[in-house]
Structure formats: C-alpha cells, structure tokens
Amino acid sequence: MNNNEINAAWFIYKYHCNPESIKVVMINEVVPEDENDDFYVPNSSYSQSIIGLFSNAGMLCDMQELLEKGIYVCNAVKTPKEQSVIPILQIKDSLDELEAELALFDNLKVIMLMGDVARKAFNKIAKKQTGKNVIPSGSTYKLRHNEYYYHDIRVMLSYICTGGNLLIEKSKVTMISEDIQLMLSIIGDCHE
C-alpha cells in the first residue's frame, strides 16, 4: 500500500465515508484547544457552528449528513493556537498534513477557505505545486465574490466558521451562509 491508500483507508475508517465521494472541502483555520470541540464530535462547539451556518443557508443537516452529501470540513492548522494570532511557523508546521489530506480527494469541485489562516495555508500549498498563489492579497470582503481556480477546482474565499466572532459579527454569518449557498449551487446540491 502507498501513503495515499493508507490515508484513504484511515479516512474511511474514521469518517465512514469514501474519500472519492467528497466534492467539497471546507478548510477552517485551526483545531480547537480541546479535541472534543472539533467538527466530528457530536454536539461540539465546532460542529454546532457549521450546522448552524448550513441551517442559515437553508440546509438542515448534521456532520455525518454533510459527509454523505460530499462535504468535508477540516482545519488548516493541526495544533491548537497558543496566542490570538497564529504564527506563520505554526501554519507551516501543518502544511504537509493538510496537503496529504487534500490529496485524498480526487473528485473535488470546491475548496472553501474559511478565514485568513486557511487562505495562507492553501496559498502555500498551491505555490509549492504551481509556483503561484491562488488567492491574491487583499481583504476577504473585496475578494470573496471573485472566481478563483486551482487546476479545475473552484476555490472560494470566506470567513472563519468557528469561534465567538460568529456571535458578535452577524454580518459575517450572513456572508458565510451566502458563500455556502453558492458552493451548494456549484456542486448541484439542492437545499432541503
């Protein structure tokens, strides 16, 4: 078995889902301090954030149903942040793991970059492979409506989808929900 086959077997075991069925990867910024708050732990803060955002976008679901619809959510930085701003070295330390994770998915149609850290991490991976960034520098607000592609995969820029900022900045909840609706239309999934 090669590394991709081992990683695919791990993914199937952990998530009860074949990586070939994944059409969308949503990359959040960083794992939570407590691993029990991560996306695929029932009733965790991260899962509740995502479920709420999809609900606002018109899709009622839980995390397993998202996987069944071909939507996988992960974190760019694989170690908890130690300060309010994630240092570039901490982002770099997680790049190999994130790159291997993305390599599992042969049928991707959309990658959603949920926040600036996700954008930095993905741009570093893209630059390593293609020699250029996918998303240019600039504010998310100004760039999120533009179309970007990595090979033939649509790359969407949005906002961080976890944390207390969602309680404070209601306009970001609205914009993230709009971005999710656009992503669903790209993959041809209708709202339930």
C-alpha atoms as a PDB file:
ATOM      1  CA  MET A   1       0.000   0.000   0.000  1.00  0.00           C
ATOM      2  CA  ASN A   2       1.196   3.500  -0.775  1.00  0.00           C
ATOM      3  CA  ASN A   3       0.654   6.516   1.506  1.00  0.00           C
ATOM      4  CA  ASN A   4      -2.490   7.664  -0.320  1.00  0.00           C
ATOM      5  CA  GLU A   5      -4.036   4.200   0.051  1.00  0.00           C
ATOM      6  CA  ILE A   6      -3.183   4.163   3.764  1.00  0.00           C
ATOM      7  CA  ASN A   7      -4.611   7.665   4.210  1.00  0.00           C
ATOM      8  CA  ALA A   8      -7.757   6.711   2.273  1.00  0.00           C
ATOM      9  CA  ALA A   9      -8.238   3.636   4.469  1.00  0.00           C
ATOM     10  CA  TRP A  10      -7.823   5.804   7.574  1.00  0.00           C
ATOM     11  CA  PHE A  11     -10.368   8.314   6.235  1.00  0.00           C
ATOM     12  CA  ILE A  12     -12.931   5.577   5.508  1.00  0.00           C
ATOM     13  CA  TYR A  13     -12.416   4.087   8.967  1.00  0.00           C
ATOM     14  CA  LYS A  14     -12.610   7.414  10.821  1.00  0.00           C
ATOM     15  CA  TYR A  15     -15.468   9.058   8.926  1.00  0.00           C
ATOM     16  CA  HIS A  16     -17.369   6.075   7.455  1.00  0.00           C
ATOM     17  CA  CYS A  17     -17.130   7.790   4.101  1.00  0.00           C
ATOM     18  CA  ASN A  18     -15.190   7.102   0.912  1.00  0.00           C
ATOM     19  CA  PRO A  19     -12.836   9.971   0.010  1.00  0.00           C
ATOM     20  CA  GLU A  20     -13.907   9.587  -3.632  1.00  0.00           C
ATOM     21  CA  SER A  21     -17.384  10.834  -2.670  1.00  0.00           C
ATOM     22  CA  ILE A  22     -16.066  14.161  -1.331  1.00  0.00           C
ATOM     23  CA  LYS A  23     -16.816  17.104  -3.650  1.00  0.00           C
ATOM     24  CA  VAL A  24     -16.137  19.967  -1.217  1.00  0.00           C
ATOM     25  CA  VAL A  25     -13.504  20.620   1.421  1.00  0.00           C
ATOM     26  CA  MET A  26     -14.124  23.499   3.796  1.00  0.00           C
ATOM     27  CA  ILE A  27     -10.846  24.464   5.458  1.00  0.00           C
ATOM     28  CA  ASN A  28     -11.271  26.215   8.808  1.00  0.00           C
ATOM     29  CA  GLU A  29      -8.347  27.961  10.493  1.00  0.00           C
ATOM     30  CA  VAL A  30      -7.225  25.891  13.494  1.00  0.00           C
ATOM     31  CA  VAL A  31      -8.118  22.895  15.642  1.00  0.00           C
ATOM     32  CA  PRO A  32      -9.759  23.723  18.976  1.00  0.00           C
ATOM     33  CA  GLU A  33      -7.831  23.597  22.240  1.00  0.00           C
ATOM     34  CA  ASP A  34      -9.972  20.645  23.324  1.00  0.00           C
ATOM     35  CA  GLU A  35     -10.194  17.893  20.695  1.00  0.00           C
ATOM     36  CA  ASN A  36     -13.738  17.178  21.921  1.00  0.00           C
ATOM     37  CA  ASP A  37     -14.778  20.532  20.435  1.00  0.00           C
ATOM     38  CA  ASP A  38     -13.739  19.577  16.875  1.00  0.00           C
ATOM     39  CA  PHE A  39     -16.078  19.152  13.904  1.00  0.00           C
ATOM     40  CA  TYR A  40     -16.837  15.434  14.028  1.00  0.00           C
ATOM     41  CA  VAL A  41     -17.548  15.189  17.757  1.00  0.00           C
ATOM     42  CA  PRO A  42     -21.330  15.250  18.289  1.00  0.00           C
ATOM     43  CA  ASN A  43     -22.647  18.476  19.837  1.00  0.00           C
ATOM     44  CA  SER A  44     -19.182  20.072  19.873  1.00  0.00           C
ATOM     45  CA  SER A  45     -18.790  23.819  19.510  1.00  0.00           C
ATOM     46  CA  TYR A  46     -17.196  23.451  16.050  1.00  0.00           C
ATOM     47  CA  SER A  47     -19.895  21.091  14.766  1.00  0.00           C
ATOM     48  CA  GLN A  48     -22.651  23.328  16.111  1.00  0.00           C
ATOM     49  CA  SER A  49     -21.116  26.330  14.329  1.00  0.00           C
ATOM     50  CA  ILE A  50     -21.051  24.522  10.972  1.00  0.00           C
ATOM     51  CA  ILE A  51     -24.518  23.029  11.413  1.00  0.00           C
ATOM     52  CA  GLY A  52     -25.861  26.494  12.255  1.00  0.00           C
ATOM     53  CA  LEU A  53     -24.235  28.048   9.191  1.00  0.00           C
ATOM     54  CA  PHE A  54     -25.666  25.363   6.904  1.00  0.00           C
ATOM     55  CA  SER A  55     -29.062  25.845   8.537  1.00  0.00           C
ATOM     56  CA  ASN A  56     -28.833  29.589   7.810  1.00  0.00           C
ATOM     57  CA  ALA A  57     -28.002  28.651   4.218  1.00  0.00           C
ATOM     58  CA  GLY A  58     -31.176  26.564   4.022  1.00  0.00           C
ATOM     59  CA  MET A  59     -29.768  23.077   4.596  1.00  0.00           C
ATOM     60  CA  LEU A  60     -30.697  21.213   7.758  1.00  0.00           C
ATOM     61  CA  CYS A  61     -28.075  18.557   8.457  1.00  0.00           C
ATOM     62  CA  ASP A  62     -25.619  17.093  10.900  1.00  0.00           C
ATOM     63  CA  MET A  63     -21.922  16.462  10.298  1.00  0.00           C
ATOM     64  CA  GLN A  64     -22.419  12.883   9.061  1.00  0.00           C
ATOM     65  CA  GLU A  65     -25.065  14.071   6.604  1.00  0.00           C
ATOM     66  CA  LEU A  66     -22.621  16.674   5.290  1.00  0.00           C
ATOM     67  CA  LEU A  67     -20.115  13.887   4.633  1.00  0.00           C
ATOM     68  CA  GLU A  68     -22.827  11.862   2.896  1.00  0.00           C
ATOM     69  CA  LYS A  69     -23.501  14.890   0.667  1.00  0.00           C
ATOM     70  CA  GLY A  70     -19.793  15.069  -0.179  1.00  0.00           C
ATOM     71  CA  ILE A  71     -18.832  17.968   2.105  1.00  0.00           C
ATOM     72  CA  TYR A  72     -15.822  17.529   4.400  1.00  0.00           C
ATOM     73  CA  VAL A  73     -14.709  20.112   6.974  1.00  0.00           C
ATOM     74  CA  CYS A  74     -11.150  20.240   8.311  1.00  0.00           C
ATOM     75  CA  ASN A  75      -8.652  22.604   9.905  1.00  0.00           C
ATOM     76  CA  ALA A  76      -5.602  24.140   8.234  1.00  0.00           C
ATOM     77  CA  VAL A  77      -3.537  24.253  11.428  1.00  0.00           C
ATOM     78  CA  LYS A  78      -3.423  20.897  13.171  1.00  0.00           C
ATOM     79  CA  THR A  79      -2.238  22.122  16.588  1.00  0.00           C
ATOM     80  CA  PRO A  80      -4.186  24.477  18.896  1.00  0.00           C
ATOM     81  CA  LYS A  81      -3.238  28.124  18.759  1.00  0.00           C
ATOM     82  CA  GLU A  82      -1.169  29.408  21.645  1.00  0.00           C
ATOM     83  CA  GLN A  83      -1.885  33.105  21.111  1.00  0.00           C
ATOM     84  CA  SER A  84      -4.576  35.183  19.429  1.00  0.00           C
ATOM     85  CA  VAL A  85      -2.663  35.382  16.135  1.00  0.00           C
ATOM     86  CA  ILE A  86      -1.409  32.123  14.643  1.00  0.00           C
ATOM     87  CA  PRO A  87       2.298  32.485  13.789  1.00  0.00           C
ATOM     88  CA  ILE A  88       3.373  31.628  10.239  1.00  0.00           C
ATOM     89  CA  LEU A  89       5.677  28.891  11.612  1.00  0.00           C
ATOM     90  CA  GLN A  90       2.690  27.127  13.172  1.00  0.00           C
ATOM     91  CA  ILE A  91       0.890  27.289   9.812  1.00  0.00           C
ATOM     92  CA  LYS A  92       3.959  25.887   8.022  1.00  0.00           C
ATOM     93  CA  ASP A  93       4.225  23.034  10.536  1.00  0.00           C
ATOM     94  CA  SER A  94       0.786  21.766   9.437  1.00  0.00           C
ATOM     95  CA  LEU A  95       1.172  22.149   5.667  1.00  0.00           C
ATOM     96  CA  ASP A  96       2.366  18.606   4.916  1.00  0.00           C
ATOM     97  CA  GLU A  97      -0.564  17.117   6.801  1.00  0.00           C
ATOM     98  CA  LEU A  98      -3.080  19.438   5.139  1.00  0.00           C
ATOM     99  CA  GLU A  99      -1.591  18.739   1.714  1.00  0.00           C
ATOM    100  CA  ALA A 100      -1.824  14.966   2.311  1.00  0.00           C
ATOM    101  CA  GLU A 101      -5.406  15.388   3.493  1.00  0.00           C
ATOM    102  CA  LEU A 102      -6.370  17.294   0.333  1.00  0.00           C
ATOM    103  CA  ALA A 103      -4.626  14.683  -1.834  1.00  0.00           C
ATOM    104  CA  LEU A 104      -7.179  12.106  -0.665  1.00  0.00           C
ATOM    105  CA  PHE A 105      -9.953  13.726  -2.661  1.00  0.00           C
ATOM    106  CA  ASP A 106      -9.786  13.039  -6.393  1.00  0.00           C
ATOM    107  CA  ASN A 107     -13.256  14.397  -7.167  1.00  0.00           C
ATOM    108  CA  LEU A 108     -13.154  17.834  -5.580  1.00  0.00           C
ATOM    109  CA  LYS A 109     -15.217  20.566  -7.184  1.00  0.00           C
ATOM    110  CA  VAL A 110     -14.855  23.258  -4.495  1.00  0.00           C
ATOM    111  CA  ILE A 111     -12.389  24.211  -1.771  1.00  0.00           C
ATOM    112  CA  MET A 112     -13.721  26.805   0.674  1.00  0.00           C
ATOM    113  CA  LEU A 113     -11.083  28.740   2.588  1.00  0.00           C
ATOM    114  CA  MET A 114     -12.710  29.764   5.841  1.00  0.00           C
ATOM    115  CA  GLY A 115     -10.548  32.609   7.092  1.00  0.00           C
ATOM    116  CA  ASP A 116      -7.146  34.182   6.532  1.00  0.00           C
ATOM    117  CA  VAL A 117      -5.159  31.326   8.070  1.00  0.00           C
ATOM    118  CA  ALA A 118      -6.829  28.833   5.723  1.00  0.00           C
ATOM    119  CA  ARG A 119      -6.052  31.164   2.799  1.00  0.00           C
ATOM    120  CA  LYS A 120      -2.374  31.452   3.820  1.00  0.00           C
ATOM    121  CA  ALA A 121      -2.019  27.696   4.240  1.00  0.00           C
ATOM    122  CA  PHE A 122      -3.714  26.844   0.950  1.00  0.00           C
ATOM    123  CA  ASN A 123      -1.766  29.501  -0.951  1.00  0.00           C
ATOM    124  CA  LYS A 124       1.483  28.000   0.375  1.00  0.00           C
ATOM    125  CA  ILE A 125       0.442  24.541  -0.860  1.00  0.00           C
ATOM    126  CA  ALA A 126      -0.635  25.935  -4.244  1.00  0.00           C
ATOM    127  CA  LYS A 127       2.557  27.974  -4.614  1.00  0.00           C
ATOM    128  CA  LYS A 128       4.664  24.906  -3.858  1.00  0.00           C
ATOM    129  CA  GLN A 129       2.845  22.951  -6.576  1.00  0.00           C
ATOM    130  CA  THR A 130       2.199  25.620  -9.229  1.00  0.00           C
ATOM    131  CA  GLY A 131       4.575  28.464  -8.419  1.00  0.00           C
ATOM    132  CA  LYS A 132       1.807  30.967  -7.661  1.00  0.00           C
ATOM    133  CA  ASN A 133      -0.861  31.824  -5.124  1.00  0.00           C
ATOM    134  CA  VAL A 134      -4.471  31.004  -5.943  1.00  0.00           C
ATOM    135  CA  ILE A 135      -5.970  33.838  -3.894  1.00  0.00           C
ATOM    136  CA  PRO A 136      -4.318  37.269  -4.155  1.00  0.00           C
ATOM    137  CA  SER A 137      -3.618  39.540  -1.207  1.00  0.00           C
ATOM    138  CA  GLY A 138      -6.469  41.754  -0.125  1.00  0.00           C
ATOM    139  CA  SER A 139      -9.457  41.871   2.156  1.00  0.00           C
ATOM    140  CA  THR A 140     -11.857  38.940   2.142  1.00  0.00           C
ATOM    141  CA  TYR A 141     -14.764  41.326   1.709  1.00  0.00           C
ATOM    142  CA  LYS A 142     -13.357  42.598  -1.600  1.00  0.00           C
ATOM    143  CA  LEU A 143     -12.136  39.226  -2.902  1.00  0.00           C
ATOM    144  CA  ARG A 144     -14.885  36.783  -1.923  1.00  0.00           C
ATOM    145  CA  HIS A 145     -17.067  37.441  -4.980  1.00  0.00           C
ATOM    146  CA  ASN A 146     -14.285  36.733  -7.484  1.00  0.00           C
ATOM    147  CA  GLU A 147     -13.825  33.315  -9.079  1.00  0.00           C
ATOM    148  CA  TYR A 148     -10.547  31.527  -8.374  1.00  0.00           C
ATOM    149  CA  TYR A 149      -9.418  28.104  -9.565  1.00  0.00           C
ATOM    150  CA  TYR A 150      -6.766  25.627  -8.518  1.00  0.00           C
ATOM    151  CA  HIS A 151      -6.423  23.338 -11.516  1.00  0.00           C
ATOM    152  CA  ASP A 152     -10.142  22.771 -12.243  1.00  0.00           C
ATOM    153  CA  ILE A 153     -11.294  23.144  -8.620  1.00  0.00           C
ATOM    154  CA  ARG A 154     -13.202  26.287  -7.668  1.00  0.00           C
ATOM    155  CA  VAL A 155     -11.581  27.961  -4.659  1.00  0.00           C
ATOM    156  CA  MET A 156     -13.859  30.178  -2.596  1.00  0.00           C
ATOM    157  CA  LEU A 157     -12.751  32.672  -0.004  1.00  0.00           C
ATOM    158  CA  SER A 158     -14.968  33.152   3.039  1.00  0.00           C
ATOM    159  CA  TYR A 159     -14.692  33.860   6.759  1.00  0.00           C
ATOM    160  CA  ILE A 160     -13.670  31.735   9.742  1.00  0.00           C
ATOM    161  CA  CYS A 161     -16.590  29.479  10.605  1.00  0.00           C
ATOM    162  CA  THR A 162     -15.941  28.869  14.304  1.00  0.00           C
ATOM    163  CA  GLY A 163     -15.473  30.859  17.469  1.00  0.00           C
ATOM    164  CA  GLY A 164     -17.022  33.764  19.268  1.00  0.00           C
ATOM    165  CA  ASN A 165     -16.762  36.089  16.281  1.00  0.00           C
ATOM    166  CA  LEU A 166     -19.896  34.445  14.878  1.00  0.00           C
ATOM    167  CA  LEU A 167     -21.857  35.664  17.893  1.00  0.00           C
ATOM    168  CA  ILE A 168     -20.562  39.210  17.524  1.00  0.00           C
ATOM    169  CA  GLU A 169     -20.360  39.772  13.778  1.00  0.00           C
ATOM    170  CA  LYS A 170     -23.793  38.785  12.446  1.00  0.00           C
ATOM    171  CA  SER A 171     -22.930  40.182   9.005  1.00  0.00           C
ATOM    172  CA  LYS A 172     -20.211  37.524   8.699  1.00  0.00           C
ATOM    173  CA  VAL A 173     -22.755  34.796   9.478  1.00  0.00           C
ATOM    174  CA  THR A 174     -24.872  36.135   6.618  1.00  0.00           C
ATOM    175  CA  MET A 175     -21.904  36.256   4.230  1.00  0.00           C
ATOM    176  CA  ILE A 176     -20.722  32.744   5.163  1.00  0.00           C
ATOM    177  CA  SER A 177     -24.265  31.438   4.630  1.00  0.00           C
ATOM    178  CA  GLU A 178     -24.335  33.118   1.198  1.00  0.00           C
ATOM    179  CA  ASP A 179     -20.992  31.501   0.367  1.00  0.00           C
ATOM    180  CA  ILE A 180     -22.343  28.099   1.428  1.00  0.00           C
ATOM    181  CA  GLN A 181     -25.402  28.622  -0.799  1.00  0.00           C
ATOM    182  CA  LEU A 182     -23.113  29.422  -3.733  1.00  0.00           C
ATOM    183  CA  MET A 183     -20.994  26.345  -3.018  1.00  0.00           C
ATOM    184  CA  LEU A 184     -24.126  24.170  -2.921  1.00  0.00           C
ATOM    185  CA  SER A 185     -25.232  25.556  -6.276  1.00  0.00           C
ATOM    186  CA  ILE A 186     -21.802  24.814  -7.772  1.00  0.00           C
ATOM    187  CA  ILE A 187     -21.941  21.173  -6.717  1.00  0.00           C
ATOM    188  CA  GLY A 188     -25.580  20.923  -7.760  1.00  0.00           C
ATOM    189  CA  ASP A 189     -26.984  20.169  -4.314  1.00  0.00           C
ATOM    190  CA  CYS A 190     -30.448  21.470  -3.623  1.00  0.00           C
ATOM    191  CA  HIS A 191     -31.473  22.763  -0.215  1.00  0.00           C
ATOM    192  CA  GLU A 192     -33.669  20.600   1.946  1.00  0.00           C
END
